[in-house]
Amino acid sequence: MGLFDVDDDKLRAFYHRAELEANRGFVDTRKYPYLDKALFIYAKEHNCSYDDALIFAKTGKKMGRLAE
């Protein structure tokens, strides 16, 4: 695993961190550059959309191309 690889656990941890920084409120990914970058990397590595990666980070459920 490389330095910039993002696996399932790391992506969920980034989202959890952003959620805590937002006081358990709405997480605007543009306000958290580490989460935004992790979502892009995860989507590219897993050949899915940014939205599918965000849904997985939020809920833990693999949707769209991730579920295949």
Protein backbone atom coordinates (compact mmCIF):
# COMPACT_ATOMS: atom_id res chain seq x y z
CA MET A 1 0.00 0.00 0.00
CA GLY A 2 1.45 3.31 -1.08
CA LEU A 3 1.52 6.59 0.74
CA PHE A 4 -1.46 8.05 -1.12
CA ASP A 5 -3.57 4.90 -1.38
CA VAL A 6 -6.98 5.17 0.22
CA ASP A 7 -8.66 1.99 1.38
CA ASP A 8 -12.12 1.51 2.89
CA ASP A 9 -11.06 2.08 6.49
CA LYS A 10 -9.03 5.20 5.75
CA LEU A 11 -11.88 6.76 3.74
CA ARG A 12 -14.41 6.08 6.51
CA ALA A 13 -11.97 7.54 9.06
CA PHE A 14 -11.54 10.73 7.02
CA TYR A 15 -15.30 11.15 6.80
CA HIS A 16 -15.71 10.52 10.53
CA ARG A 17 -13.07 13.15 11.27
CA ALA A 18 -14.83 15.70 9.05
CA GLU A 19 -18.15 14.85 10.68
CA LEU A 20 -16.70 15.51 14.13
CA GLU A 21 -15.20 18.81 12.95
CA ALA A 22 -18.66 19.78 11.65
CA ASN A 23 -20.12 19.02 15.10
CA ARG A 24 -22.00 15.99 13.77
CA GLY A 25 -23.78 18.21 11.26
CA PHE A 26 -23.75 18.42 7.48
CA VAL A 27 -20.33 17.65 5.98
CA ASP A 28 -19.56 19.87 3.00
CA THR A 29 -16.67 18.02 1.37
CA ARG A 30 -15.32 21.23 -0.19
CA LYS A 31 -14.58 22.60 3.29
CA TYR A 32 -12.41 19.58 4.16
CA PRO A 33 -9.64 19.24 1.55
CA TYR A 34 -8.28 15.99 3.04
CA LEU A 35 -11.69 14.34 2.61
CA ASP A 36 -12.20 15.76 -0.87
CA LYS A 37 -8.82 14.48 -2.03
CA ALA A 38 -9.38 11.07 -0.42
CA LEU A 39 -12.75 10.74 -2.19
CA PHE A 40 -11.16 11.53 -5.55
CA ILE A 41 -8.35 9.03 -5.00
CA TYR A 42 -10.77 6.33 -3.79
CA ALA A 43 -13.08 6.87 -6.78
CA LYS A 44 -10.18 6.66 -9.21
CA GLU A 45 -8.69 3.53 -7.63
CA HIS A 46 -12.03 1.71 -7.46
CA ASN A 47 -13.37 2.92 -10.82
CA CYS A 48 -16.52 4.46 -9.35
CA SER A 49 -18.03 7.91 -9.18
CA TYR A 50 -17.26 10.56 -6.58
CA ASP A 51 -20.85 10.27 -5.33
CA ASP A 52 -20.58 6.49 -4.87
CA ALA A 53 -17.40 7.00 -2.84
CA LEU A 54 -19.13 9.66 -0.72
CA ILE A 55 -22.12 7.42 -0.05
CA PHE A 56 -19.78 4.64 1.00
CA ALA A 57 -17.85 6.99 3.31
CA LYS A 58 -21.13 8.16 4.89
CA THR A 59 -23.04 4.92 5.26
CA GLY A 60 -20.60 2.08 4.72
CA LYS A 61 -22.83 0.63 2.00
CA LYS A 62 -21.30 0.04 -1.41
CA MET A 63 -23.53 1.47 -4.12
CA GLY A 64 -23.28 1.68 -7.90
CA ARG A 65 -20.03 0.34 -9.37
CA LEU A 66 -18.63 -0.41 -5.92
CA ALA A 67 -21.32 -3.03 -5.33
CA GLU A 68 -20.39 -4.94 -8.48
